[in-house]
Amino acid sequence: MTARLVLCALLLAACRVPQPDGEAVRVTIPQGASLGAIAETLVAHGIIDSPRRFRFYATLLGKDRKLGAGTYDLHRDRPLRDVLDALVAGVPALETLVIPEGLMLTEVAAVVEAQLGISADSFAAAARDPALIALVDSNAATLEGYLYPSTYAVRVGADAREVARQVVAEFIARWKPEWHARLDSLGLDRREVVILASIIEGEVRHDVDRRFVASVYHNRLAAGWRLQADPTVIYALGRRRRLFERDYLTRSPYNTYRHDGLPPGPIGQPAAASIEAALYPARTDFFFFVARPDGQHVFSRSLREHRAAIARIRGR
């Protein structure tokens, strides 16, 4: 057999018809690893069976100097060329991060630690990075309110700052261009809308209530009333629990039972639905609401109606 035929046979073997994907195995290729070290790592994880053949094909196909460091999910029982292509493409292994709506920054940091293994303290520090904050709100002290609640595919090995940047980028992507014009008609800036949306997010358990809760707060602000929003008291306390009468006296600029207007910053992470409700509230003359046992709210125009609604819900 001529050298050319041998070469063709080898190439055909490298590109053989693939079998169904085998088990996905997470493999880390260190920065600066040699071709030989990469081959041995792949053998150790059962991705390839011959380091010599891997080195040969990598060199033959001109990929020996293009293999990227990183963490990859590679499948066993794949042709050598597929393995090489995966390492050259540098598509990293991914982990899932799920950030629920309405969480405070401290709670988001705890979720990041639980799901990604990145310490809560390091994520909280990243959320205070002035360069990241400047992307969304140059007047803020942290990224509170801008860590968009969603499901993320995060690169394995990402650090706290990379994750924070990815989450903030999602907030920026979700902000609709037409919302800017709406800000002008409301006489509010984006920061104020995010603050209001974070309070709405903290109040609502049923989507049908969202725009009506927003209308109550808009009506109170227009009338010069205090918002008197329970979620702001919880934020002032720094932890979630049942509120008692003494809690409404908590000394904090975030306590809207003690201070007029909006609190100084967001109290959690609102989703687009709450931002939209803050921008486009229902047109009502409601000033009060109370939650039923199922979490849905009853809305009232006057204090008298409100007290009657409370009495009905409590069975008095």
C-alpha atoms as a PDB file:
ATOM      1  CA  MET A   1       0.000   0.000   0.000  1.00  0.00           C
ATOM      2  CA  THR A   2       1.405   3.400  -0.956  1.00  0.00           C
ATOM      3  CA  ALA A   3       2.011   6.162   1.574  1.00  0.00           C
ATOM      4  CA  ARG A   4      -0.900   8.108   0.080  1.00  0.00           C
ATOM      5  CA  LEU A   5      -3.275   5.187   0.551  1.00  0.00           C
ATOM      6  CA  VAL A   6      -2.085   4.729   4.117  1.00  0.00           C
ATOM      7  CA  LEU A   7      -2.704   8.395   4.801  1.00  0.00           C
ATOM      8  CA  CYS A   8      -6.206   8.182   3.309  1.00  0.00           C
ATOM      9  CA  ALA A   9      -6.989   5.137   5.401  1.00  0.00           C
ATOM     10  CA  LEU A  10      -5.863   6.889   8.539  1.00  0.00           C
ATOM     11  CA  LEU A  11      -7.915   9.970   7.735  1.00  0.00           C
ATOM     12  CA  LEU A  12     -10.973   7.839   7.070  1.00  0.00           C
ATOM     13  CA  ALA A  13     -10.484   6.180  10.440  1.00  0.00           C
ATOM     14  CA  ALA A  14     -10.289   9.561  12.130  1.00  0.00           C
ATOM     15  CA  CYS A  15     -13.503  10.631  10.396  1.00  0.00           C
ATOM     16  CA  ARG A  16     -15.325   7.295  10.710  1.00  0.00           C
ATOM     17  CA  VAL A  17     -19.104   7.294  10.789  1.00  0.00           C
ATOM     18  CA  PRO A  18     -19.938   8.317  14.354  1.00  0.00           C
ATOM     19  CA  GLN A  19     -21.690   6.043  16.789  1.00  0.00           C
ATOM     20  CA  PRO A  20     -24.478   7.415  18.970  1.00  0.00           C
ATOM     21  CA  ASP A  21     -23.077   9.841  21.531  1.00  0.00           C
ATOM     22  CA  GLY A  22     -21.593   8.138  24.516  1.00  0.00           C
ATOM     23  CA  GLU A  23     -21.577   9.494  28.031  1.00  0.00           C
ATOM     24  CA  ALA A  24     -20.702  13.183  28.330  1.00  0.00           C
ATOM     25  CA  VAL A  25     -17.563  13.644  30.401  1.00  0.00           C
ATOM     26  CA  ARG A  26     -16.333  16.946  31.822  1.00  0.00           C
ATOM     27  CA  VAL A  27     -12.683  17.467  30.949  1.00  0.00           C
ATOM     28  CA  THR A  28     -10.441  20.376  31.917  1.00  0.00           C
ATOM     29  CA  ILE A  29      -7.515  21.286  29.688  1.00  0.00           C
ATOM     30  CA  PRO A  30      -5.083  23.494  31.650  1.00  0.00           C
ATOM     31  CA  GLN A  31      -3.671  26.671  30.172  1.00  0.00           C
ATOM     32  CA  GLY A  32      -0.380  25.937  28.384  1.00  0.00           C
ATOM     33  CA  ALA A  33      -0.875  22.162  28.324  1.00  0.00           C
ATOM     34  CA  SER A  34       1.223  20.403  25.683  1.00  0.00           C
ATOM     35  CA  LEU A  35      -0.308  18.252  22.964  1.00  0.00           C
ATOM     36  CA  GLY A  36       0.986  15.174  24.765  1.00  0.00           C
ATOM     37  CA  ALA A  37      -0.526  16.296  28.080  1.00  0.00           C
ATOM     38  CA  ILE A  38      -3.877  16.955  26.386  1.00  0.00           C
ATOM     39  CA  ALA A  39      -3.821  13.498  24.819  1.00  0.00           C
ATOM     40  CA  GLU A  40      -3.054  11.835  28.170  1.00  0.00           C
ATOM     41  CA  THR A  41      -5.887  13.782  29.835  1.00  0.00           C
ATOM     42  CA  LEU A  42      -8.320  12.603  27.169  1.00  0.00           C
ATOM     43  CA  VAL A  43      -7.183   9.000  27.594  1.00  0.00           C
ATOM     44  CA  ALA A  44      -7.593   9.254  31.368  1.00  0.00           C
ATOM     45  CA  HIS A  45     -11.218  10.366  30.883  1.00  0.00           C
ATOM     46  CA  GLY A  46     -11.981   7.665  28.330  1.00  0.00           C
ATOM     47  CA  ILE A  47     -12.516  10.122  25.463  1.00  0.00           C
ATOM     48  CA  ILE A  48      -9.801   8.559  23.267  1.00  0.00           C
ATOM     49  CA  ASP A  49      -7.958   5.277  23.468  1.00  0.00           C
ATOM     50  CA  SER A  50      -4.640   6.142  21.819  1.00  0.00           C
ATOM     51  CA  PRO A  51      -2.647   9.276  22.716  1.00  0.00           C
ATOM     52  CA  ARG A  52      -0.235   8.526  19.870  1.00  0.00           C
ATOM     53  CA  ARG A  53      -2.995   8.429  17.257  1.00  0.00           C
ATOM     54  CA  PHE A  54      -4.539  11.611  18.694  1.00  0.00           C
ATOM     55  CA  ARG A  55      -1.212  13.459  18.457  1.00  0.00           C
ATOM     56  CA  PHE A  56      -0.729  12.211  14.902  1.00  0.00           C
ATOM     57  CA  TYR A  57      -4.141  13.344  13.668  1.00  0.00           C
ATOM     58  CA  ALA A  58      -3.916  16.681  15.478  1.00  0.00           C
ATOM     59  CA  THR A  59      -0.619  17.402  13.728  1.00  0.00           C
ATOM     60  CA  LEU A  60      -1.731  16.013  10.388  1.00  0.00           C
ATOM     61  CA  LEU A  61      -4.888  18.169  10.376  1.00  0.00           C
ATOM     62  CA  GLY A  62      -3.031  21.281  11.532  1.00  0.00           C
ATOM     63  CA  LYS A  63      -4.922  21.480  14.807  1.00  0.00           C
ATOM     64  CA  ASP A  64      -2.095  20.720  17.205  1.00  0.00           C
ATOM     65  CA  ARG A  65      -1.503  24.410  17.987  1.00  0.00           C
ATOM     66  CA  LYS A  66      -5.179  25.393  18.023  1.00  0.00           C
ATOM     67  CA  LEU A  67      -6.419  23.330  20.953  1.00  0.00           C
ATOM     68  CA  GLY A  68      -7.820  25.697  23.567  1.00  0.00           C
ATOM     69  CA  ALA A  69      -7.565  25.504  27.329  1.00  0.00           C
ATOM     70  CA  GLY A  70     -10.805  25.320  29.261  1.00  0.00           C
ATOM     71  CA  THR A  71     -13.428  22.960  30.621  1.00  0.00           C
ATOM     72  CA  TYR A  72     -15.408  20.958  28.072  1.00  0.00           C
ATOM     73  CA  ASP A  73     -18.207  18.416  28.021  1.00  0.00           C
ATOM     74  CA  LEU A  74     -16.909  15.772  25.610  1.00  0.00           C
ATOM     75  CA  HIS A  75     -18.631  12.583  24.523  1.00  0.00           C
ATOM     76  CA  ARG A  76     -17.071   9.174  24.500  1.00  0.00           C
ATOM     77  CA  ASP A  77     -17.203   7.054  21.339  1.00  0.00           C
ATOM     78  CA  ARG A  78     -16.833   9.999  18.985  1.00  0.00           C
ATOM     79  CA  PRO A  79     -14.435  10.176  16.020  1.00  0.00           C
ATOM     80  CA  LEU A  80     -11.064  11.760  16.753  1.00  0.00           C
ATOM     81  CA  ARG A  81     -11.866  14.579  14.368  1.00  0.00           C
ATOM     82  CA  ASP A  82     -14.988  15.471  16.384  1.00  0.00           C
ATOM     83  CA  VAL A  83     -12.917  15.601  19.570  1.00  0.00           C
ATOM     84  CA  LEU A  84     -10.327  17.819  17.886  1.00  0.00           C
ATOM     85  CA  ASP A  85     -13.038  20.094  16.456  1.00  0.00           C
ATOM     86  CA  ALA A  86     -14.601  20.492  19.900  1.00  0.00           C
ATOM     87  CA  LEU A  87     -11.283  21.498  21.449  1.00  0.00           C
ATOM     88  CA  VAL A  88     -10.441  23.883  18.589  1.00  0.00           C
ATOM     89  CA  ALA A  89     -13.897  25.521  18.685  1.00  0.00           C
ATOM     90  CA  GLY A  90     -13.398  26.131  22.384  1.00  0.00           C
ATOM     91  CA  VAL A  91     -17.104  25.805  23.237  1.00  0.00           C
ATOM     92  CA  PRO A  92     -16.960  25.560  27.020  1.00  0.00           C
ATOM     93  CA  ALA A  93     -18.909  23.305  29.324  1.00  0.00           C
ATOM     94  CA  LEU A  94     -21.851  25.125  30.820  1.00  0.00           C
ATOM     95  CA  GLU A  95     -23.655  25.118  34.138  1.00  0.00           C
ATOM     96  CA  THR A  96     -27.211  26.267  34.798  1.00  0.00           C
ATOM     97  CA  LEU A  97     -27.938  29.205  37.076  1.00  0.00           C
ATOM     98  CA  VAL A  98     -31.557  29.958  37.966  1.00  0.00           C
ATOM     99  CA  ILE A  99     -32.279  33.325  39.594  1.00  0.00           C
ATOM    100  CA  PRO A 100     -35.907  33.568  40.764  1.00  0.00           C
ATOM    101  CA  GLU A 101     -37.829  36.838  40.650  1.00  0.00           C
ATOM    102  CA  GLY A 102     -37.776  39.231  43.577  1.00  0.00           C
ATOM    103  CA  LEU A 103     -34.649  38.057  45.398  1.00  0.00           C
ATOM    104  CA  MET A 104     -32.507  40.553  47.275  1.00  0.00           C
ATOM    105  CA  LEU A 105     -28.845  40.831  46.305  1.00  0.00           C
ATOM    106  CA  THR A 106     -27.802  38.825  49.366  1.00  0.00           C
ATOM    107  CA  GLU A 107     -30.208  36.080  48.317  1.00  0.00           C
ATOM    108  CA  VAL A 108     -28.956  36.098  44.717  1.00  0.00           C
ATOM    109  CA  ALA A 109     -25.408  35.738  46.048  1.00  0.00           C
ATOM    110  CA  ALA A 110     -26.503  32.721  48.090  1.00  0.00           C
ATOM    111  CA  VAL A 111     -28.138  31.183  45.002  1.00  0.00           C
ATOM    112  CA  VAL A 112     -24.942  31.696  42.979  1.00  0.00           C
ATOM    113  CA  GLU A 113     -22.945  29.982  45.702  1.00  0.00           C
ATOM    114  CA  ALA A 114     -25.371  27.062  45.958  1.00  0.00           C
ATOM    115  CA  GLN A 115     -25.674  26.492  42.206  1.00  0.00           C
ATOM    116  CA  LEU A 116     -22.223  27.441  40.878  1.00  0.00           C
ATOM    117  CA  GLY A 117     -19.941  27.092  43.892  1.00  0.00           C
ATOM    118  CA  ILE A 118     -18.865  30.744  43.661  1.00  0.00           C
ATOM    119  CA  SER A 119     -18.722  32.192  47.159  1.00  0.00           C
ATOM    120  CA  ALA A 120     -21.559  34.525  48.114  1.00  0.00           C
ATOM    121  CA  ASP A 121     -19.031  37.062  49.390  1.00  0.00           C
ATOM    122  CA  SER A 122     -17.168  37.181  46.083  1.00  0.00           C
ATOM    123  CA  PHE A 123     -20.400  37.616  44.131  1.00  0.00           C
ATOM    124  CA  ALA A 124     -21.539  40.376  46.492  1.00  0.00           C
ATOM    125  CA  ALA A 125     -18.176  42.068  45.940  1.00  0.00           C
ATOM    126  CA  ALA A 126     -18.602  41.779  42.158  1.00  0.00           C
ATOM    127  CA  ALA A 127     -22.031  43.388  42.530  1.00  0.00           C
ATOM    128  CA  ARG A 128     -20.274  46.425  44.003  1.00  0.00           C
ATOM    129  CA  ASP A 129     -17.866  46.767  41.062  1.00  0.00           C
ATOM    130  CA  PRO A 130     -18.161  50.380  39.828  1.00  0.00           C
ATOM    131  CA  ALA A 131     -17.433  49.350  36.227  1.00  0.00           C
ATOM    132  CA  LEU A 132     -20.349  46.912  36.185  1.00  0.00           C
ATOM    133  CA  ILE A 133     -22.654  49.300  38.025  1.00  0.00           C
ATOM    134  CA  ALA A 134     -21.903  52.035  35.485  1.00  0.00           C
ATOM    135  CA  LEU A 135     -23.422  49.820  32.771  1.00  0.00           C
ATOM    136  CA  VAL A 136     -26.893  50.285  34.260  1.00  0.00           C
ATOM    137  CA  ASP A 137     -27.004  52.896  37.025  1.00  0.00           C
ATOM    138  CA  SER A 138     -24.093  55.214  37.716  1.00  0.00           C
ATOM    139  CA  ASN A 139     -25.789  56.521  40.876  1.00  0.00           C
ATOM    140  CA  ALA A 140     -26.130  53.110  42.521  1.00  0.00           C
ATOM    141  CA  ALA A 141     -23.874  51.555  45.123  1.00  0.00           C
ATOM    142  CA  THR A 142     -24.571  47.975  44.030  1.00  0.00           C
ATOM    143  CA  LEU A 143     -26.255  46.037  41.240  1.00  0.00           C
ATOM    144  CA  GLU A 144     -29.360  45.546  43.367  1.00  0.00           C
ATOM    145  CA  GLY A 145     -32.347  45.617  41.013  1.00  0.00           C
ATOM    146  CA  TYR A 146     -30.314  44.856  37.881  1.00  0.00           C
ATOM    147  CA  LEU A 147     -29.478  41.162  38.399  1.00  0.00           C
ATOM    148  CA  TYR A 148     -32.152  40.021  36.011  1.00  0.00           C
ATOM    149  CA  PRO A 149     -34.131  36.971  37.190  1.00  0.00           C
ATOM    150  CA  SER A 150     -33.835  34.255  34.549  1.00  0.00           C
ATOM    151  CA  THR A 151     -32.199  30.928  33.712  1.00  0.00           C
ATOM    152  CA  TYR A 152     -28.587  31.233  32.568  1.00  0.00           C
ATOM    153  CA  ALA A 153     -26.071  28.950  30.898  1.00  0.00           C
ATOM    154  CA  VAL A 154     -22.848  29.924  32.667  1.00  0.00           C
ATOM    155  CA  ARG A 155     -19.373  28.881  31.578  1.00  0.00           C
ATOM    156  CA  VAL A 156     -17.828  26.337  33.914  1.00  0.00           C
ATOM    157  CA  GLY A 157     -14.983  28.066  35.721  1.00  0.00           C
ATOM    158  CA  ALA A 158     -16.493  31.544  35.398  1.00  0.00           C
ATOM    159  CA  ASP A 159     -15.638  33.835  38.285  1.00  0.00           C
ATOM    160  CA  ALA A 160     -18.035  36.060  40.213  1.00  0.00           C
ATOM    161  CA  ARG A 161     -17.439  39.102  38.044  1.00  0.00           C
ATOM    162  CA  GLU A 162     -18.083  37.181  34.819  1.00  0.00           C
ATOM    163  CA  VAL A 163     -21.373  35.856  36.193  1.00  0.00           C
ATOM    164  CA  ALA A 164     -22.426  39.300  37.424  1.00  0.00           C
ATOM    165  CA  ARG A 165     -21.625  40.798  34.019  1.00  0.00           C
ATOM    166  CA  GLN A 166     -23.645  38.083  32.251  1.00  0.00           C
ATOM    167  CA  VAL A 167     -26.667  38.697  34.480  1.00  0.00           C
ATOM    168  CA  VAL A 168     -26.483  42.473  34.091  1.00  0.00           C
ATOM    169  CA  ALA A 169     -26.172  42.060  30.320  1.00  0.00           C
ATOM    170  CA  GLU A 170     -29.483  40.201  30.423  1.00  0.00           C
ATOM    171  CA  PHE A 171     -31.130  43.160  32.171  1.00  0.00           C
ATOM    172  CA  ILE A 172     -29.819  45.484  29.472  1.00  0.00           C
ATOM    173  CA  ALA A 173     -31.067  43.131  26.739  1.00  0.00           C
ATOM    174  CA  ARG A 174     -34.524  42.882  28.328  1.00  0.00           C
ATOM    175  CA  TRP A 175     -34.996  46.649  28.590  1.00  0.00           C
ATOM    176  CA  LYS A 176     -37.207  47.592  25.633  1.00  0.00           C
ATOM    177  CA  PRO A 177     -36.296  50.715  23.614  1.00  0.00           C
ATOM    178  CA  GLU A 178     -39.880  52.003  23.782  1.00  0.00           C
ATOM    179  CA  TRP A 179     -39.682  52.107  27.558  1.00  0.00           C
ATOM    180  CA  HIS A 180     -37.372  55.132  27.372  1.00  0.00           C
ATOM    181  CA  ALA A 181     -40.139  57.257  25.838  1.00  0.00           C
ATOM    182  CA  ARG A 182     -42.545  56.031  28.497  1.00  0.00           C
ATOM    183  CA  LEU A 183     -40.183  57.257  31.218  1.00  0.00           C
ATOM    184  CA  ASP A 184     -40.533  60.797  29.908  1.00  0.00           C
ATOM    185  CA  SER A 185     -44.320  60.653  29.939  1.00  0.00           C
ATOM    186  CA  LEU A 186     -44.300  59.423  33.551  1.00  0.00           C
ATOM    187  CA  GLY A 187     -41.714  61.949  34.665  1.00  0.00           C
ATOM    188  CA  LEU A 188     -39.545  59.171  36.068  1.00  0.00           C
ATOM    189  CA  ASP A 189     -36.051  57.941  35.280  1.00  0.00           C
ATOM    190  CA  ARG A 190     -35.082  54.303  34.788  1.00  0.00           C
ATOM    191  CA  ARG A 191     -33.716  53.970  38.303  1.00  0.00           C
ATOM    192  CA  GLU A 192     -37.020  55.116  39.808  1.00  0.00           C
ATOM    193  CA  VAL A 193     -38.969  52.684  37.644  1.00  0.00           C
ATOM    194  CA  VAL A 194     -36.699  49.801  38.664  1.00  0.00           C
ATOM    195  CA  ILE A 195     -37.184  50.761  42.331  1.00  0.00           C
ATOM    196  CA  LEU A 196     -40.955  50.781  41.918  1.00  0.00           C
ATOM    197  CA  ALA A 197     -40.876  47.544  39.911  1.00  0.00           C
ATOM    198  CA  SER A 198     -38.863  45.848  42.656  1.00  0.00           C
ATOM    199  CA  ILE A 199     -41.555  46.767  45.207  1.00  0.00           C
ATOM    200  CA  ILE A 200     -44.303  45.480  42.887  1.00  0.00           C
ATOM    201  CA  GLU A 201     -42.333  42.241  42.435  1.00  0.00           C
ATOM    202  CA  GLY A 202     -42.163  41.881  46.193  1.00  0.00           C
ATOM    203  CA  GLU A 203     -45.920  42.260  46.566  1.00  0.00           C
ATOM    204  CA  VAL A 204     -47.352  40.176  43.731  1.00  0.00           C
ATOM    205  CA  ARG A 205     -47.906  36.440  43.612  1.00  0.00           C
ATOM    206  CA  HIS A 206     -50.446  36.450  40.764  1.00  0.00           C
ATOM    207  CA  ASP A 207     -49.764  38.143  37.432  1.00  0.00           C
ATOM    208  CA  VAL A 208     -53.319  39.454  37.207  1.00  0.00           C
ATOM    209  CA  ASP A 209     -52.617  41.733  40.203  1.00  0.00           C
ATOM    210  CA  ARG A 210     -49.418  43.261  38.893  1.00  0.00           C
ATOM    211  CA  ARG A 211     -50.749  46.324  37.051  1.00  0.00           C
ATOM    212  CA  PHE A 212     -53.323  47.016  39.791  1.00  0.00           C
ATOM    213  CA  VAL A 213     -50.690  46.981  42.546  1.00  0.00           C
ATOM    214  CA  ALA A 214     -48.675  49.323  40.334  1.00  0.00           C
ATOM    215  CA  SER A 215     -51.688  51.638  40.057  1.00  0.00           C
ATOM    216  CA  VAL A 216     -52.036  51.819  43.846  1.00  0.00           C
ATOM    217  CA  TYR A 217     -48.436  52.916  44.241  1.00  0.00           C
ATOM    218  CA  HIS A 218     -48.650  55.417  41.402  1.00  0.00           C
ATOM    219  CA  ASN A 219     -51.825  56.852  42.935  1.00  0.00           C
ATOM    220  CA  ARG A 220     -50.203  57.158  46.362  1.00  0.00           C
ATOM    221  CA  LEU A 221     -47.141  58.860  44.924  1.00  0.00           C
ATOM    222  CA  ALA A 222     -49.304  61.300  42.950  1.00  0.00           C
ATOM    223  CA  ALA A 223     -51.362  62.106  46.033  1.00  0.00           C
ATOM    224  CA  GLY A 224     -48.273  62.625  48.216  1.00  0.00           C
ATOM    225  CA  TRP A 225     -49.024  59.589  50.357  1.00  0.00           C
ATOM    226  CA  ARG A 226     -46.375  57.286  51.735  1.00  0.00           C
ATOM    227  CA  LEU A 227     -46.122  53.994  49.879  1.00  0.00           C
ATOM    228  CA  GLN A 228     -46.334  51.928  53.084  1.00  0.00           C
ATOM    229  CA  ALA A 229     -45.099  48.832  51.268  1.00  0.00           C
ATOM    230  CA  ASP A 230     -44.331  45.786  53.397  1.00  0.00           C
ATOM    231  CA  PRO A 231     -41.540  44.526  51.091  1.00  0.00           C
ATOM    232  CA  THR A 232     -39.547  47.681  51.889  1.00  0.00           C
ATOM    233  CA  VAL A 233     -39.735  46.849  55.589  1.00  0.00           C
ATOM    234  CA  ILE A 234     -38.500  43.327  54.919  1.00  0.00           C
ATOM    235  CA  TYR A 235     -35.613  44.786  52.921  1.00  0.00           C
ATOM    236  CA  ALA A 236     -34.816  47.183  55.756  1.00  0.00           C
ATOM    237  CA  LEU A 237     -34.695  44.217  58.138  1.00  0.00           C
ATOM    238  CA  GLY A 238     -32.420  42.329  55.757  1.00  0.00           C
ATOM    239  CA  ARG A 239     -34.245  39.014  56.010  1.00  0.00           C
ATOM    240  CA  ARG A 240     -37.597  37.506  55.222  1.00  0.00           C
ATOM    241  CA  ARG A 241     -39.973  36.763  58.058  1.00  0.00           C
ATOM    242  CA  ARG A 242     -43.426  37.608  59.283  1.00  0.00           C
ATOM    243  CA  LEU A 243     -43.708  41.294  60.121  1.00  0.00           C
ATOM    244  CA  PHE A 244     -44.793  42.551  63.532  1.00  0.00           C
ATOM    245  CA  GLU A 245     -46.065  45.989  64.512  1.00  0.00           C
ATOM    246  CA  ARG A 246     -42.663  47.000  65.861  1.00  0.00           C
ATOM    247  CA  ASP A 247     -41.063  46.249  62.491  1.00  0.00           C
ATOM    248  CA  TYR A 248     -42.929  49.123  60.848  1.00  0.00           C
ATOM    249  CA  LEU A 249     -40.941  51.485  63.078  1.00  0.00           C
ATOM    250  CA  THR A 250     -37.601  50.191  61.789  1.00  0.00           C
ATOM    251  CA  ARG A 251     -35.203  53.072  61.232  1.00  0.00           C
ATOM    252  CA  SER A 252     -34.092  52.780  57.637  1.00  0.00           C
ATOM    253  CA  PRO A 253     -34.350  55.000  54.553  1.00  0.00           C
ATOM    254  CA  TYR A 254     -35.870  51.937  52.847  1.00  0.00           C
ATOM    255  CA  ASN A 255     -38.823  51.806  55.259  1.00  0.00           C
ATOM    256  CA  THR A 256     -41.649  53.445  53.301  1.00  0.00           C
ATOM    257  CA  TYR A 257     -43.817  53.548  56.418  1.00  0.00           C
ATOM    258  CA  ARG A 258     -41.421  56.135  57.863  1.00  0.00           C
ATOM    259  CA  HIS A 259     -40.268  57.972  54.727  1.00  0.00           C
ATOM    260  CA  ASP A 260     -42.042  59.687  51.849  1.00  0.00           C
ATOM    261  CA  GLY A 261     -41.640  58.701  48.220  1.00  0.00           C
ATOM    262  CA  LEU A 262     -39.575  55.897  46.806  1.00  0.00           C
ATOM    263  CA  PRO A 263     -36.803  54.248  48.814  1.00  0.00           C
ATOM    264  CA  PRO A 264     -33.223  55.160  47.823  1.00  0.00           C
ATOM    265  CA  GLY A 265     -32.722  52.044  45.700  1.00  0.00           C
ATOM    266  CA  PRO A 266     -34.327  48.821  44.474  1.00  0.00           C
ATOM    267  CA  ILE A 267     -35.215  46.205  47.077  1.00  0.00           C
ATOM    268  CA  GLY A 268     -34.834  43.145  44.843  1.00  0.00           C
ATOM    269  CA  GLN A 269     -34.627  41.951  41.279  1.00  0.00           C
ATOM    270  CA  PRO A 270     -37.763  42.677  39.217  1.00  0.00           C
ATOM    271  CA  ALA A 271     -38.645  40.742  36.086  1.00  0.00           C
ATOM    272  CA  ALA A 272     -39.814  42.431  32.893  1.00  0.00           C
ATOM    273  CA  ALA A 273     -43.479  41.960  33.857  1.00  0.00           C
ATOM    274  CA  SER A 274     -43.042  44.099  36.969  1.00  0.00           C
ATOM    275  CA  ILE A 275     -41.022  46.721  35.100  1.00  0.00           C
ATOM    276  CA  GLU A 276     -43.771  46.882  32.509  1.00  0.00           C
ATOM    277  CA  ALA A 277     -46.414  47.195  35.241  1.00  0.00           C
ATOM    278  CA  ALA A 278     -44.481  50.076  36.788  1.00  0.00           C
ATOM    279  CA  LEU A 279     -44.360  51.764  33.399  1.00  0.00           C
ATOM    280  CA  TYR A 280     -47.938  50.975  32.364  1.00  0.00           C
ATOM    281  CA  PRO A 281     -50.091  50.694  35.511  1.00  0.00           C
ATOM    282  CA  ALA A 282     -53.797  50.037  35.282  1.00  0.00           C
ATOM    283  CA  ARG A 283     -55.880  53.217  35.332  1.00  0.00           C
ATOM    284  CA  THR A 284     -57.745  53.007  38.640  1.00  0.00           C
ATOM    285  CA  ASP A 285     -58.661  55.067  41.678  1.00  0.00           C
ATOM    286  CA  PHE A 286     -57.471  52.360  44.053  1.00  0.00           C
ATOM    287  CA  PHE A 287     -55.352  53.380  47.038  1.00  0.00           C
ATOM    288  CA  PHE A 288     -55.391  50.181  49.105  1.00  0.00           C
ATOM    289  CA  PHE A 289     -55.045  46.438  48.709  1.00  0.00           C
ATOM    290  CA  VAL A 290     -54.959  43.415  50.976  1.00  0.00           C
ATOM    291  CA  ALA A 291     -53.945  39.847  50.184  1.00  0.00           C
ATOM    292  CA  ARG A 292     -56.331  36.929  50.425  1.00  0.00           C
ATOM    293  CA  PRO A 293     -55.058  33.577  51.749  1.00  0.00           C
ATOM    294  CA  ASP A 294     -54.341  32.468  48.171  1.00  0.00           C
ATOM    295  CA  GLY A 295     -52.109  35.493  47.630  1.00  0.00           C
ATOM    296  CA  GLN A 296     -54.424  37.347  45.257  1.00  0.00           C
ATOM    297  CA  HIS A 297     -55.283  40.908  46.263  1.00  0.00           C
ATOM    298  CA  VAL A 298     -58.501  42.764  46.953  1.00  0.00           C
ATOM    299  CA  PHE A 299     -58.315  46.436  45.950  1.00  0.00           C
ATOM    300  CA  SER A 300     -60.155  49.344  47.534  1.00  0.00           C
ATOM    301  CA  ARG A 301     -60.697  53.034  46.852  1.00  0.00           C
ATOM    302  CA  SER A 302     -61.128  54.218  50.446  1.00  0.00           C
ATOM    303  CA  LEU A 303     -59.899  53.294  53.898  1.00  0.00           C
ATOM    304  CA  ARG A 304     -63.423  52.296  54.819  1.00  0.00           C
ATOM    305  CA  GLU A 305     -63.607  49.836  51.907  1.00  0.00           C
ATOM    306  CA  HIS A 306     -60.158  48.562  52.763  1.00  0.00           C
ATOM    307  CA  ARG A 307     -61.072  47.840  56.396  1.00  0.00           C
ATOM    308  CA  ALA A 308     -64.227  46.046  55.252  1.00  0.00           C
ATOM    309  CA  ALA A 309     -62.143  43.918  52.862  1.00  0.00           C
ATOM    310  CA  ILE A 310     -59.738  43.014  55.667  1.00  0.00           C
ATOM    311  CA  ALA A 311     -62.674  42.042  57.909  1.00  0.00           C
ATOM    312  CA  ARG A 312     -64.142  39.801  55.198  1.00  0.00           C
ATOM    313  CA  ILE A 313     -60.825  38.079  54.551  1.00  0.00           C
ATOM    314  CA  ARG A 314     -60.248  37.492  58.257  1.00  0.00           C
ATOM    315  CA  GLY A 315     -63.802  36.226  58.719  1.00  0.00           C
ATOM    316  CA  ARG A 316     -64.797  38.893  61.189  1.00  0.00           C
END
